């Protein structure tokens, strides 16, 4: 995996499932991070080949619950992100999936309570020894690249010192979100503090924060000196942000997303969550389309609402049940 001069899809919970990753790649994303998967959940999974749709599924043992789904089409660019607070458990989770993904990433930036309360995500930022233990354990035992994603600390000096410690573990790259833990999305990303990290390290740094248009990729690279650029909300609202030819219509992107969700039998809850985020940015959930998405109970409902006549193998099996 090469981390220089890449356009990167950020990890997004309930968004970064297989259909959305493939959608981003279709429009030009070079590297696509999956949504954060908690190690506790992953270690309870078994690997299965889904011959019906051509995917590789990691399913909770004894259930039909898909925890992580991937396919050969994305093997060279998909990054599996782990939420963890324990080196051995992180390694166990990574070893399950390491032959099916391009790299493994440790989430050290999520500020949400479910992550921090478990000692994961941004909680790791104050535990440099644990960070070292997790990353070195993965590096010693995996043959694929290991990376991590952090947020800014209280001071630029603290961020740089942590980044230097992370670099010494042998990671292949470091993603830096230009906000601190208390910051909200509306607060401007601090590109200058990402630049401080870039200046201090020799490994590739992936800059993340306030990228909403294709031109912003070059703007943040120029401002920070980062090797590559990661985008979250800008891609969520319109995945064609990765296209050098310019964005296509949100309607076109949304329809293609639904088509991919049907083809890859995506979870209806994550599909609806992503669609609602798209709709809220461009329109309103109170309008007919938004209400229809909220009411939808199946992929067949979404297909009918958006006049999509595609039929995947899974849909053929289920359509009679739904209608």
Protein backbone atom coordinates (compact mmCIF):
# COMPACT_ATOMS: atom_id res chain seq x y z
CA UNK A 1 0.00 0.00 0.00
CA UNK A 2 1.40 3.37 -1.07
CA UNK A 3 0.35 6.33 1.10
CA UNK A 4 1.72 9.24 -0.91
CA UNK A 5 -0.44 11.39 -3.21
CA UNK A 6 -3.63 9.53 -2.40
CA UNK A 7 -7.25 10.60 -2.02
CA UNK A 8 -8.66 8.76 0.96
CA UNK A 9 -12.18 7.96 2.18
CA UNK A 10 -12.31 8.45 5.95
CA UNK A 11 -13.74 5.84 8.32
CA UNK A 12 -17.36 6.69 9.11
CA UNK A 13 -19.55 4.63 11.43
CA UNK A 14 -22.70 3.23 9.72
CA UNK A 15 -21.56 4.81 6.44
CA UNK A 16 -18.31 3.12 5.40
CA UNK A 17 -19.76 -0.26 4.50
CA UNK A 18 -18.88 -2.06 1.26
CA UNK A 19 -21.34 -0.26 -1.08
CA UNK A 20 -20.20 3.20 -0.01
CA UNK A 21 -16.52 2.24 -0.23
CA UNK A 22 -17.05 0.95 -3.78
CA UNK A 23 -19.00 4.10 -4.63
CA UNK A 24 -16.13 6.32 -3.44
CA UNK A 25 -13.62 4.22 -5.38
CA UNK A 26 -15.76 4.46 -8.50
CA UNK A 27 -15.43 8.24 -8.35
CA UNK A 28 -11.69 8.24 -7.68
CA UNK A 29 -10.88 7.38 -4.05
CA UNK A 30 -7.50 5.61 -3.93
CA UNK A 31 -7.82 4.26 -0.39
CA UNK A 32 -11.10 3.48 1.36
CA UNK A 33 -11.35 3.01 5.12
CA UNK A 34 -14.13 0.86 6.48
CA UNK A 35 -16.21 1.94 9.43
CA UNK A 36 -14.62 1.33 12.83
CA UNK A 37 -15.17 -2.26 13.99
CA UNK A 38 -14.79 -2.91 17.73
CA UNK A 39 -12.33 -5.70 18.47
CA UNK A 40 -14.69 -7.36 20.98
CA UNK A 41 -17.19 -7.87 18.18
CA UNK A 42 -14.69 -8.94 15.54
CA UNK A 43 -13.07 -11.67 17.64
CA UNK A 44 -16.47 -13.38 17.83
CA UNK A 45 -16.66 -13.64 14.04
CA UNK A 46 -15.97 -16.34 11.50
CA UNK A 47 -15.01 -15.84 7.88
CA UNK A 48 -17.49 -17.00 5.25
CA UNK A 49 -17.53 -16.77 1.47
CA UNK A 50 -20.88 -15.46 0.24
CA UNK A 51 -21.13 -17.09 -3.18
CA UNK A 52 -24.54 -15.55 -3.86
CA UNK A 53 -23.18 -12.00 -4.10
CA UNK A 54 -19.44 -12.69 -4.37
CA UNK A 55 -18.38 -11.18 -1.05
CA UNK A 56 -16.21 -12.24 1.87
CA UNK A 57 -18.19 -11.90 5.08
CA UNK A 58 -17.09 -11.85 8.69
CA UNK A 59 -20.15 -12.96 10.61
CA UNK A 60 -20.89 -13.22 14.29
CA UNK A 61 -20.73 -16.91 15.13
CA UNK A 62 -24.11 -18.56 15.47
CA UNK A 63 -25.93 -15.69 13.76
CA UNK A 64 -26.51 -14.21 10.32
CA UNK A 65 -25.16 -10.86 11.50
CA UNK A 66 -22.52 -9.47 9.10
CA UNK A 67 -19.95 -7.50 11.07
CA UNK A 68 -17.65 -6.74 8.11
CA UNK A 69 -18.17 -7.40 4.40
CA UNK A 70 -15.58 -6.98 1.67
CA UNK A 71 -14.83 -8.30 -1.82
CA UNK A 72 -11.90 -8.97 -4.15
CA UNK A 73 -12.67 -5.78 -6.08
CA UNK A 74 -11.47 -3.60 -3.17
CA UNK A 75 -8.76 -5.83 -1.70
CA UNK A 76 -5.87 -3.59 -2.78
CA UNK A 77 -7.30 -0.38 -1.26
CA UNK A 78 -9.60 -1.21 1.69
CA UNK A 79 -8.36 -0.42 5.19
CA UNK A 80 -9.86 -2.28 8.14
CA UNK A 81 -10.16 0.08 11.11
CA UNK A 82 -10.21 -1.40 14.60
CA UNK A 83 -11.56 0.13 17.78
CA UNK A 84 -9.47 -1.31 20.61
CA UNK A 85 -7.89 -0.76 24.01
CA UNK A 86 -5.90 -4.00 24.14
CA UNK A 87 -2.95 -5.13 22.03
CA UNK A 88 -3.68 -8.87 22.10
CA UNK A 89 -7.36 -8.42 21.26
CA UNK A 90 -6.48 -6.00 18.46
CA UNK A 91 -4.08 -8.53 16.99
CA UNK A 92 -6.64 -11.33 17.19
CA UNK A 93 -9.15 -9.17 15.31
CA UNK A 94 -6.56 -8.10 12.73
CA UNK A 95 -5.38 -11.64 12.06
CA UNK A 96 -8.92 -12.69 11.18
CA UNK A 97 -9.13 -10.19 8.34
CA UNK A 98 -5.52 -9.48 7.33
CA UNK A 99 -5.57 -11.69 4.23
CA UNK A 100 -8.62 -9.90 2.83
CA UNK A 101 -7.68 -6.22 3.24
CA UNK A 102 -4.84 -3.92 2.19
CA UNK A 103 -4.03 -2.52 5.64
CA UNK A 104 -5.14 -2.28 9.27
CA UNK A 105 -5.72 1.01 11.10
CA UNK A 106 -6.22 1.74 14.80
CA UNK A 107 -8.83 4.35 15.69
CA UNK A 108 -7.31 6.86 18.11
CA UNK A 109 -9.49 9.83 17.27
CA UNK A 110 -13.15 8.99 17.87
CA UNK A 111 -14.50 11.28 20.62
CA UNK A 112 -17.89 9.56 20.96
CA UNK A 113 -18.77 8.28 24.43
CA UNK A 114 -19.28 4.65 23.36
CA UNK A 115 -15.67 4.58 22.16
CA UNK A 116 -13.99 6.68 24.85
CA UNK A 117 -15.83 4.96 27.73
CA UNK A 118 -14.35 1.66 26.58
CA UNK A 119 -10.84 3.09 26.58
CA UNK A 120 -10.83 3.19 22.78
CA UNK A 121 -10.69 5.98 20.19
CA UNK A 122 -9.62 9.35 21.58
CA UNK A 123 -9.12 7.80 25.04
CA UNK A 124 -5.88 6.32 23.69
CA UNK A 125 -4.43 9.78 23.04
CA UNK A 126 -3.57 10.11 26.74
CA UNK A 127 -2.04 6.61 26.91
CA UNK A 128 1.15 6.67 24.80
CA UNK A 129 2.50 3.46 26.35
CA UNK A 130 -0.66 1.57 25.40
CA UNK A 131 -0.50 3.08 21.91
CA UNK A 132 3.07 1.81 21.61
CA UNK A 133 2.04 -1.66 22.82
CA UNK A 134 -0.86 -1.96 20.37
CA UNK A 135 1.03 -0.69 17.33
CA UNK A 136 4.23 -2.62 17.93
CA UNK A 137 2.28 -5.82 18.56
CA UNK A 138 0.48 -5.43 15.24
CA UNK A 139 3.65 -4.46 13.39
CA UNK A 140 5.56 -7.52 14.67
CA UNK A 141 2.83 -9.98 13.76
CA UNK A 142 1.24 -8.70 10.54
CA UNK A 143 2.64 -8.59 7.02
CA UNK A 144 0.30 -5.83 5.82
CA UNK A 145 0.72 -2.12 6.65
CA UNK A 146 -0.38 -0.84 10.06
CA UNK A 147 -1.49 2.78 10.53
CA UNK A 148 -3.48 4.87 12.99
CA UNK A 149 -5.67 7.95 12.99
CA UNK A 150 -5.40 10.59 15.73
CA UNK A 151 -6.82 13.98 16.66
CA UNK A 152 -4.93 17.05 17.79
CA UNK A 153 -3.92 17.21 21.44
CA UNK A 154 -4.20 20.25 23.72
CA UNK A 155 -1.06 21.86 22.32
CA UNK A 156 0.83 21.54 19.02
CA UNK A 157 3.88 20.39 21.00
CA UNK A 158 1.94 17.53 22.59
CA UNK A 159 0.56 16.43 19.23
CA UNK A 160 4.01 16.41 17.64
CA UNK A 161 5.53 14.46 20.54
CA UNK A 162 2.82 11.80 20.31
CA UNK A 163 3.19 11.62 16.54
CA UNK A 164 6.93 11.06 16.93
CA UNK A 165 6.31 8.21 19.36
CA UNK A 166 3.83 6.69 16.94
CA UNK A 167 6.32 6.96 14.07
CA UNK A 168 8.90 5.01 16.11
CA UNK A 169 6.54 2.01 16.28
CA UNK A 170 7.07 1.46 12.55
CA UNK A 171 3.63 2.39 11.26
CA UNK A 172 3.37 3.02 7.52
CA UNK A 173 1.43 6.28 7.80
CA UNK A 174 -0.39 8.52 10.26
CA UNK A 175 -3.76 10.19 9.65
CA UNK A 176 -4.33 13.42 11.56
CA UNK A 177 -7.77 14.99 12.03
CA UNK A 178 -7.24 18.71 12.48
CA UNK A 179 -9.58 19.05 15.45
CA UNK A 180 -9.23 18.42 19.18
CA UNK A 181 -11.47 16.07 21.14
CA UNK A 182 -13.83 18.81 22.45
CA UNK A 183 -14.16 20.40 18.99
CA UNK A 184 -17.36 20.00 17.03
CA UNK A 185 -17.66 19.60 13.26
CA UNK A 186 -18.63 23.29 12.93
CA UNK A 187 -15.32 24.33 14.46
CA UNK A 188 -12.70 25.03 11.76
CA UNK A 189 -10.04 22.36 11.30
CA UNK A 190 -6.59 23.58 12.34
CA UNK A 191 -4.55 22.87 9.23
CA UNK A 192 -1.51 24.67 10.67
CA UNK A 193 -1.27 22.11 13.49
CA UNK A 194 -1.38 19.28 10.97
CA UNK A 195 1.53 21.03 9.23
CA UNK A 196 3.50 20.89 12.50
CA UNK A 197 3.13 17.10 12.53
CA UNK A 198 4.11 16.82 8.86
CA UNK A 199 7.29 18.83 9.49
CA UNK A 200 8.29 16.57 12.38
CA UNK A 201 7.81 13.18 10.69
CA UNK A 202 9.35 11.32 7.79
CA UNK A 203 6.47 8.86 7.25
CA UNK A 204 3.45 9.90 5.15
CA UNK A 205 0.89 12.02 6.98
CA UNK A 206 -2.74 11.95 5.82
CA UNK A 207 -4.47 15.28 6.49
CA UNK A 208 -8.16 15.26 7.46
CA UNK A 209 -10.57 18.10 8.11
CA UNK A 210 -12.74 20.58 6.16
CA UNK A 211 -12.43 19.05 2.69
CA UNK A 212 -15.71 19.68 0.89
CA UNK A 213 -14.73 20.25 -2.76
CA UNK A 214 -12.20 18.63 -5.09
CA UNK A 215 -10.06 21.79 -5.01
CA UNK A 216 -9.80 21.44 -1.23
CA UNK A 217 -7.59 18.36 -1.70
CA UNK A 218 -4.83 20.53 -3.12
CA UNK A 219 -5.55 23.40 -0.72
CA UNK A 220 -5.02 21.27 2.40
CA UNK A 221 -1.97 19.56 0.85
CA UNK A 222 -0.42 22.92 0.10
CA UNK A 223 -1.25 24.31 3.54
CA UNK A 224 0.00 21.31 5.51
CA UNK A 225 2.58 19.61 3.30
CA UNK A 226 0.72 16.33 3.91
CA UNK A 227 1.38 13.36 1.66
CA UNK A 228 -2.29 12.52 1.19
CA UNK A 229 -5.75 13.82 2.07
CA UNK A 230 -8.69 12.14 3.81
CA UNK A 231 -12.31 13.27 3.53
CA UNK A 232 -15.37 12.33 5.60
CA UNK A 233 -18.45 14.57 5.43
CA UNK A 234 -17.57 15.92 2.00
CA UNK A 235 -17.68 12.36 0.67
CA UNK A 236 -20.76 11.41 2.67
CA UNK A 237 -22.73 14.26 1.12
CA UNK A 238 -21.50 13.54 -2.40
CA UNK A 239 -19.03 10.72 -3.08
CA UNK A 240 -18.15 12.20 -6.46
CA UNK A 241 -15.99 14.74 -4.56
CA UNK A 242 -13.10 12.39 -5.51
CA UNK A 243 -13.61 13.00 -9.23
CA UNK A 244 -11.16 15.44 -10.88
CA UNK A 245 -13.87 16.08 -13.47
CA UNK A 246 -16.07 17.68 -10.85
CA UNK A 247 -19.03 16.57 -8.81
CA UNK A 248 -21.99 14.92 -10.46
CA UNK A 249 -25.55 15.46 -9.33
CA UNK A 250 -26.39 14.36 -5.79
CA UNK A 251 -29.40 12.56 -7.26
CA UNK A 252 -27.15 10.48 -9.52
CA UNK A 253 -24.80 9.62 -6.65
CA UNK A 254 -27.67 8.73 -4.32
CA UNK A 255 -29.28 6.42 -6.89
CA UNK A 256 -25.95 4.69 -7.57
CA UNK A 257 -25.47 4.21 -3.82
CA UNK A 258 -28.86 2.52 -3.50
CA UNK A 259 -28.08 0.30 -6.48
CA UNK A 260 -24.84 -0.81 -4.85
CA UNK A 261 -26.57 -1.40 -1.52
CA UNK A 262 -29.03 -3.71 -3.27
CA UNK A 263 -26.33 -5.54 -5.21
CA UNK A 264 -24.23 -6.10 -2.09
CA UNK A 265 -27.16 -6.82 0.24
CA UNK A 266 -26.26 -3.97 2.58
CA UNK A 267 -27.84 -3.68 6.00
CA UNK A 268 -31.06 -1.66 5.71
CA UNK A 269 -30.32 0.37 8.86
CA UNK A 270 -26.91 1.57 7.68
CA UNK A 271 -28.32 2.24 4.20
CA UNK A 272 -31.11 4.39 5.62
CA UNK A 273 -28.70 6.22 7.93
CA UNK A 274 -26.44 7.16 5.03
CA UNK A 275 -29.34 8.20 2.81
CA UNK A 276 -30.81 10.36 5.56
CA UNK A 277 -27.45 12.12 6.02
CA UNK A 278 -27.34 12.81 2.27
CA UNK A 279 -30.92 14.06 2.17
CA UNK A 280 -30.54 16.31 5.23
CA UNK A 281 -27.58 18.07 3.59
CA UNK A 282 -29.36 18.83 0.33
CA UNK A 283 -33.02 18.82 1.29
CA UNK A 284 -35.18 17.84 4.27
CA UNK A 285 -36.44 14.63 5.83
CA UNK A 286 -39.84 16.35 6.08
CA UNK A 287 -40.25 16.34 2.31
CA UNK A 288 -41.77 13.30 0.52
CA UNK A 289 -38.45 11.65 -0.32
CA UNK A 290 -37.18 11.92 3.24
CA UNK A 291 -40.42 10.55 4.66
CA UNK A 292 -40.31 7.65 2.19
CA UNK A 293 -36.78 6.72 3.26
CA UNK A 294 -37.76 6.85 6.94
CA UNK A 295 -40.76 4.58 6.27
CA UNK A 296 -38.76 2.08 4.22
CA UNK A 297 -38.36 -1.28 5.92
CA UNK A 298 -36.42 -3.09 3.20
CA UNK A 299 -34.20 -2.65 0.17
CA UNK A 300 -37.25 -3.42 -1.97
CA UNK A 301 -39.00 -0.40 -0.44
CA UNK A 302 -36.03 1.85 -1.23
CA UNK A 303 -35.84 0.49 -4.76
CA UNK A 304 -39.53 1.18 -5.33
CA UNK A 305 -39.31 4.66 -3.81
CA UNK A 306 -36.44 5.62 -6.11
CA UNK A 307 -37.77 3.79 -9.18
CA UNK A 308 -34.79 1.41 -9.31
CA UNK A 309 -35.54 -1.76 -11.22
CA UNK A 310 -32.30 -3.57 -10.53
CA UNK A 311 -32.51 -7.12 -9.22
CA UNK A 312 -29.59 -8.64 -7.33
CA UNK A 313 -29.53 -12.37 -6.47
CA UNK A 314 -30.52 -11.50 -2.91
CA UNK A 315 -33.37 -9.30 -4.08
CA UNK A 316 -34.74 -12.03 -6.32
CA UNK A 317 -34.94 -14.29 -3.28
CA UNK A 318 -36.55 -11.67 -1.06
CA UNK A 319 -38.78 -9.61 -3.29
CA UNK A 320 -41.74 -11.94 -2.91
CA UNK A 321 -41.39 -11.77 0.85
CA UNK A 322 -41.26 -7.99 0.91
CA UNK A 323 -44.21 -7.44 -1.43
